[in-house]
């Protein structure tokens, strides 16, 4: 199977490409800045329609996992035009090309399409993003639905993993670095999510690809946690000193963009339909520890 992955050097993309290759997929890895570790690399500016068209014509993918995004929430708020082009317009173009080339599309979306007022969101709950990042990702979802593509929208939450990717760290590795260096780590106590191990997410997406499952799915961790509770779980798994963790309110962090208070996702649908189930926190951190040790 020919698989095109955008954002292939990112946290999800790196793991997805690696696992797909192990399944004998022919993997084409599109990237913008950091060359991917796995697959056949293609440098691609996804907001360049001509370049998008050329890569489809050259590769002729059977499946596209569109994981590329401007995911820096504060940057999206400050550079709204860029966020719109990357997260919304480029997604619409990917969907259009998938229709034209008869490719199955998996669009990786986010828990930030919800306003965070109630938490434990189902796929059918009303969306109402509170920042521009969430708005542009939601518009991407809408463009996919309107495109007549054969698609799956995969919403996730706070993706983390065992190694840095795309020149960036992730919350789990950032925290571990802070605590090992005995430096203060300020952690919000009033923000809840469904932290998701990149390996678990990649495995679920590949099952969706193989079975051509359509619709909208919450592919996230199976445990709802505050950011501080998540941090405590990480510290506990890796036997790190929690005395350097400082509890703060989200307002004290002074983000540019507003964050939803509780954007946690219910994963009942994925747990019912998929063989690769969303992992609970204890299982996911155990898996991450194995990967770090390996």
Protein backbone atom coordinates (compact mmCIF):
# COMPACT_ATOMS: atom_id res chain seq x y z
CA UNK A 1 0.00 0.00 0.00
CA UNK A 2 1.27 3.46 -0.91
CA UNK A 3 0.96 5.76 2.10
CA UNK A 4 1.66 9.50 2.06
CA UNK A 5 2.17 11.08 5.48
CA UNK A 6 2.31 14.85 5.84
CA UNK A 7 4.07 16.17 8.92
CA UNK A 8 6.19 13.02 8.75
CA UNK A 9 8.97 14.41 10.95
CA UNK A 10 6.58 15.31 13.77
CA UNK A 11 5.84 13.37 16.94
CA UNK A 12 2.98 11.39 15.41
CA UNK A 13 4.34 11.29 11.86
CA UNK A 14 7.70 9.83 12.89
CA UNK A 15 6.11 6.94 14.78
CA UNK A 16 3.43 6.39 12.14
CA UNK A 17 5.96 6.11 9.33
CA UNK A 18 8.15 3.75 11.35
CA UNK A 19 5.27 1.40 12.18
CA UNK A 20 3.87 1.51 8.64
CA UNK A 21 7.23 0.48 7.19
CA UNK A 22 7.28 -2.50 9.57
CA UNK A 23 3.94 -3.49 8.01
CA UNK A 24 5.56 -3.34 4.56
CA UNK A 25 3.77 -0.18 3.43
CA UNK A 26 5.50 1.95 0.84
CA UNK A 27 5.80 5.12 2.90
CA UNK A 28 6.31 8.60 1.46
CA UNK A 29 7.23 11.12 4.15
CA UNK A 30 6.39 14.77 3.44
CA UNK A 31 8.08 17.42 5.56
CA UNK A 32 8.78 21.16 5.63
CA UNK A 33 11.94 21.68 7.71
CA UNK A 34 13.24 18.56 9.46
CA UNK A 35 14.01 15.54 7.30
CA UNK A 36 12.02 12.50 8.49
CA UNK A 37 13.76 9.50 10.02
CA UNK A 38 11.62 6.96 8.17
CA UNK A 39 10.20 6.51 4.69
CA UNK A 40 11.01 8.15 1.37
CA UNK A 41 11.35 11.87 2.19
CA UNK A 42 9.72 14.64 0.15
CA UNK A 43 10.13 18.29 1.08
CA UNK A 44 6.69 19.88 0.77
CA UNK A 45 5.17 23.26 1.53
CA UNK A 46 1.55 22.17 2.03
CA UNK A 47 0.19 25.67 1.36
CA UNK A 48 1.67 25.51 -2.15
CA UNK A 49 -1.15 24.00 -4.24
CA UNK A 50 1.09 23.31 -7.21
CA UNK A 51 3.53 21.39 -5.02
CA UNK A 52 0.67 19.42 -3.47
CA UNK A 53 -0.61 18.48 -6.92
CA UNK A 54 2.86 17.44 -8.09
CA UNK A 55 3.47 15.14 -5.13
CA UNK A 56 0.12 13.40 -5.71
CA UNK A 57 0.87 13.00 -9.41
CA UNK A 58 4.32 11.57 -8.66
CA UNK A 59 3.43 9.26 -5.78
CA UNK A 60 -0.19 8.33 -6.57
CA UNK A 61 -0.91 7.49 -2.92
CA UNK A 62 -3.66 5.07 -1.95
CA UNK A 63 -3.89 6.56 1.55
CA UNK A 64 -2.99 9.98 2.93
CA UNK A 65 -2.54 10.67 6.64
CA UNK A 66 -2.63 14.45 6.91
CA UNK A 67 -0.84 15.14 10.19
CA UNK A 68 0.91 18.39 9.20
CA UNK A 69 -0.37 21.45 11.05
CA UNK A 70 0.60 24.70 12.68
CA UNK A 71 0.06 23.35 16.19
CA UNK A 72 1.72 26.16 18.18
CA UNK A 73 -1.46 27.52 19.76
CA UNK A 74 -0.03 30.93 20.61
CA UNK A 75 1.58 31.34 17.18
CA UNK A 76 -1.79 30.59 15.59
CA UNK A 77 -3.29 33.42 17.62
CA UNK A 78 -0.54 35.85 16.59
CA UNK A 79 -0.32 34.75 12.93
CA UNK A 80 -3.92 34.04 12.05
CA UNK A 81 -3.50 34.22 8.28
CA UNK A 82 -0.71 31.65 8.36
CA UNK A 83 -2.73 29.38 10.66
CA UNK A 84 -5.69 29.58 8.29
CA UNK A 85 -3.55 28.70 5.27
CA UNK A 86 -1.81 25.77 6.97
CA UNK A 87 -4.62 24.26 9.04
CA UNK A 88 -7.69 25.03 6.95
CA UNK A 89 -6.87 25.80 3.32
CA UNK A 90 -4.15 23.17 2.99
CA UNK A 91 -6.49 20.57 4.49
CA UNK A 92 -9.17 21.48 1.96
CA UNK A 93 -6.59 21.00 -0.80
CA UNK A 94 -5.51 17.62 0.57
CA UNK A 95 -9.14 16.51 0.63
CA UNK A 96 -9.68 17.74 -2.95
CA UNK A 97 -6.62 15.85 -4.16
CA UNK A 98 -7.71 12.69 -2.35
CA UNK A 99 -11.03 12.85 -4.19
CA UNK A 100 -9.31 13.45 -7.51
CA UNK A 101 -6.79 10.63 -7.02
CA UNK A 102 -9.15 8.22 -5.24
CA UNK A 103 -7.13 8.12 -2.03
CA UNK A 104 -8.42 7.42 1.48
CA UNK A 105 -7.82 10.38 3.82
CA UNK A 106 -7.12 10.41 7.55
CA UNK A 107 -7.16 13.95 8.90
CA UNK A 108 -5.54 14.37 12.32
CA UNK A 109 -7.53 16.91 14.33
CA UNK A 110 -7.60 18.03 17.95
CA UNK A 111 -9.53 18.22 21.22
CA UNK A 112 -9.27 22.01 20.89
CA UNK A 113 -12.31 22.04 18.59
CA UNK A 114 -14.31 22.07 21.89
CA UNK A 115 -14.71 24.98 24.28
CA UNK A 116 -13.75 22.98 27.39
CA UNK A 117 -16.75 23.93 29.48
CA UNK A 118 -17.87 20.35 30.21
CA UNK A 119 -15.13 17.90 29.22
CA UNK A 120 -15.39 14.19 28.37
CA UNK A 121 -16.56 15.08 24.88
CA UNK A 122 -18.13 12.56 22.53
CA UNK A 123 -17.67 12.72 18.78
CA UNK A 124 -21.23 14.01 18.41
CA UNK A 125 -20.93 16.86 20.94
CA UNK A 126 -21.18 20.44 19.75
CA UNK A 127 -17.89 22.05 18.71
CA UNK A 128 -17.07 25.60 19.79
CA UNK A 129 -13.32 26.41 19.76
CA UNK A 130 -12.07 29.20 22.02
CA UNK A 131 -8.87 29.99 20.09
CA UNK A 132 -7.77 30.39 16.47
CA UNK A 133 -5.89 27.10 16.43
CA UNK A 134 -9.05 25.20 17.34
CA UNK A 135 -11.07 27.26 14.85
CA UNK A 136 -8.74 26.51 11.93
CA UNK A 137 -8.56 22.81 12.78
CA UNK A 138 -12.35 22.68 12.96
CA UNK A 139 -12.62 24.37 9.58
CA UNK A 140 -10.24 21.71 8.29
CA UNK A 141 -12.69 19.08 9.54
CA UNK A 142 -15.57 20.84 7.80
CA UNK A 143 -13.66 21.09 4.52
CA UNK A 144 -12.91 17.35 4.68
CA UNK A 145 -16.59 16.52 5.28
CA UNK A 146 -17.69 18.75 2.40
CA UNK A 147 -15.16 17.30 -0.05
CA UNK A 148 -16.79 13.95 -0.90
CA UNK A 149 -13.53 12.25 0.06
CA UNK A 150 -13.53 8.85 1.74
CA UNK A 151 -12.22 9.99 5.09
CA UNK A 152 -11.68 9.50 8.79
CA UNK A 153 -11.25 12.46 11.14
CA UNK A 154 -9.05 11.47 14.09
CA UNK A 155 -9.18 13.84 17.06
CA UNK A 156 -6.45 13.48 19.64
CA UNK A 157 -5.18 15.28 22.74
CA UNK A 158 -1.76 16.22 24.17
CA UNK A 159 0.39 13.82 22.15
CA UNK A 160 3.60 12.70 23.85
CA UNK A 161 6.30 10.13 23.17
CA UNK A 162 9.67 8.65 24.01
CA UNK A 163 11.86 10.73 21.69
CA UNK A 164 11.87 14.36 20.47
CA UNK A 165 10.64 14.88 16.92
CA UNK A 166 10.71 17.65 14.35
CA UNK A 167 13.15 19.69 16.40
CA UNK A 168 10.69 19.83 19.30
CA UNK A 169 10.28 18.11 22.64
CA UNK A 170 6.91 17.15 24.15
CA UNK A 171 5.39 17.67 27.57
CA UNK A 172 6.52 14.33 29.00
CA UNK A 173 10.13 14.73 27.90
CA UNK A 174 10.17 18.41 28.89
CA UNK A 175 9.01 17.52 32.39
CA UNK A 176 11.48 14.67 32.74
CA UNK A 177 14.31 16.97 31.67
CA UNK A 178 13.29 19.59 34.21
CA UNK A 179 13.01 17.16 37.12
CA UNK A 180 16.26 15.36 36.28
CA UNK A 181 18.05 18.74 36.20
CA UNK A 182 16.36 19.68 39.50
CA UNK A 183 14.75 22.73 37.91
CA UNK A 184 11.35 24.14 38.75
CA UNK A 185 8.51 23.00 36.47
CA UNK A 186 5.36 25.12 36.62
CA UNK A 187 2.33 22.94 35.86
CA UNK A 188 -1.30 23.99 35.46
CA UNK A 189 -3.72 22.42 37.92
CA UNK A 190 -6.92 23.60 36.21
CA UNK A 191 -6.60 22.24 32.68
CA UNK A 192 -7.81 18.72 31.81
CA UNK A 193 -7.01 16.63 28.72
CA UNK A 194 -6.69 13.03 27.54
CA UNK A 195 -2.91 12.64 27.07
CA UNK A 196 -2.11 10.34 24.14
CA UNK A 197 1.01 8.25 23.55
CA UNK A 198 2.13 8.69 19.95
CA UNK A 199 2.65 4.94 19.51
CA UNK A 200 -0.91 4.18 20.58
CA UNK A 201 -2.28 6.87 18.27
CA UNK A 202 -0.19 5.64 15.33
CA UNK A 203 -1.36 2.06 15.84
CA UNK A 204 -5.01 3.12 15.93
CA UNK A 205 -4.62 5.21 12.78
CA UNK A 206 -2.97 2.34 10.93
CA UNK A 207 -5.85 0.05 11.86
CA UNK A 208 -8.28 2.63 10.51
CA UNK A 209 -6.20 2.82 7.32
CA UNK A 210 -6.14 -0.98 6.91
CA UNK A 211 -9.87 -1.36 7.54
CA UNK A 212 -10.84 1.87 5.73
CA UNK A 213 -12.99 2.92 8.68
CA UNK A 214 -14.79 6.19 7.99
CA UNK A 215 -16.29 8.90 10.19
CA UNK A 216 -15.05 10.90 13.17
CA UNK A 217 -13.18 9.18 16.00
CA UNK A 218 -11.66 10.33 19.27
CA UNK A 219 -8.28 8.60 19.25
CA UNK A 220 -6.87 9.73 22.57
CA UNK A 221 -5.65 8.29 25.83
CA UNK A 222 -8.34 6.58 27.89
CA UNK A 223 -7.58 8.53 31.08
CA UNK A 224 -8.81 12.06 31.81
CA UNK A 225 -6.19 13.97 33.79
CA UNK A 226 -5.33 17.51 34.77
CA UNK A 227 -1.97 18.62 33.44
CA UNK A 228 -0.60 18.41 36.99
CA UNK A 229 -1.98 14.88 37.47
CA UNK A 230 -0.37 13.91 34.17
CA UNK A 231 2.93 15.31 35.41
CA UNK A 232 2.64 13.36 38.67
CA UNK A 233 1.97 10.16 36.71
CA UNK A 234 5.09 10.71 34.59
CA UNK A 235 7.23 11.46 37.64
CA UNK A 236 5.92 8.35 39.37
CA UNK A 237 6.59 6.05 36.41
CA UNK A 238 10.18 7.30 36.08
CA UNK A 239 10.87 7.68 39.84
CA UNK A 240 11.52 11.42 39.60
CA UNK A 241 11.44 13.93 42.46
CA UNK A 242 8.13 15.84 42.39
CA UNK A 243 9.31 18.53 44.79
CA UNK A 244 10.42 20.63 41.80
CA UNK A 245 6.89 20.63 40.38
CA UNK A 246 5.02 23.84 41.18
CA UNK A 247 1.23 23.94 40.96
CA UNK A 248 -0.06 27.06 39.22
CA UNK A 249 -3.30 28.24 37.65
CA UNK A 250 -3.48 28.41 33.85
CA UNK A 251 -3.84 32.21 34.14
CA UNK A 252 -0.43 32.38 35.81
CA UNK A 253 1.22 30.86 32.74
CA UNK A 254 0.19 33.89 30.65
CA UNK A 255 -0.49 32.19 27.35
CA UNK A 256 -1.31 34.42 24.39
CA UNK A 257 -4.26 32.27 23.33
CA UNK A 258 -7.07 31.10 25.58
CA UNK A 259 -7.08 27.36 26.32
CA UNK A 260 -10.16 25.23 26.96
CA UNK A 261 -10.34 24.25 30.64
CA UNK A 262 -11.43 20.66 30.04
CA UNK A 263 -11.07 19.34 26.50
CA UNK A 264 -10.84 15.69 27.53
CA UNK A 265 -12.25 13.20 25.04
CA UNK A 266 -14.40 10.12 25.51
CA UNK A 267 -12.99 7.16 23.62
CA UNK A 268 -15.93 4.75 23.91
CA UNK A 269 -16.42 4.58 20.13
CA UNK A 270 -12.77 3.76 19.40
CA UNK A 271 -12.67 1.26 22.27
CA UNK A 272 -15.76 -0.49 20.89
CA UNK A 273 -14.76 -0.61 17.22
CA UNK A 274 -10.97 -0.87 17.12
CA UNK A 275 -8.84 -3.86 18.02
CA UNK A 276 -6.06 -1.45 19.02
CA UNK A 277 -7.72 0.20 22.01
CA UNK A 278 -6.97 3.63 23.49
CA UNK A 279 -4.51 3.05 26.32
CA UNK A 280 -5.06 4.01 29.94
CA UNK A 281 -2.36 6.20 31.43
CA UNK A 282 -0.58 3.45 33.40
CA UNK A 283 -0.30 1.23 30.31
CA UNK A 284 0.79 4.08 28.04
CA UNK A 285 3.54 5.27 30.39
CA UNK A 286 4.75 1.69 30.76
CA UNK A 287 4.98 1.46 26.99
CA UNK A 288 6.83 4.79 26.80
CA UNK A 289 9.30 3.57 29.41
CA UNK A 290 9.95 0.43 27.36
CA UNK A 291 10.62 2.55 24.29
CA UNK A 292 13.04 4.81 26.16
CA UNK A 293 14.90 1.82 27.58
CA UNK A 294 15.11 0.27 24.09
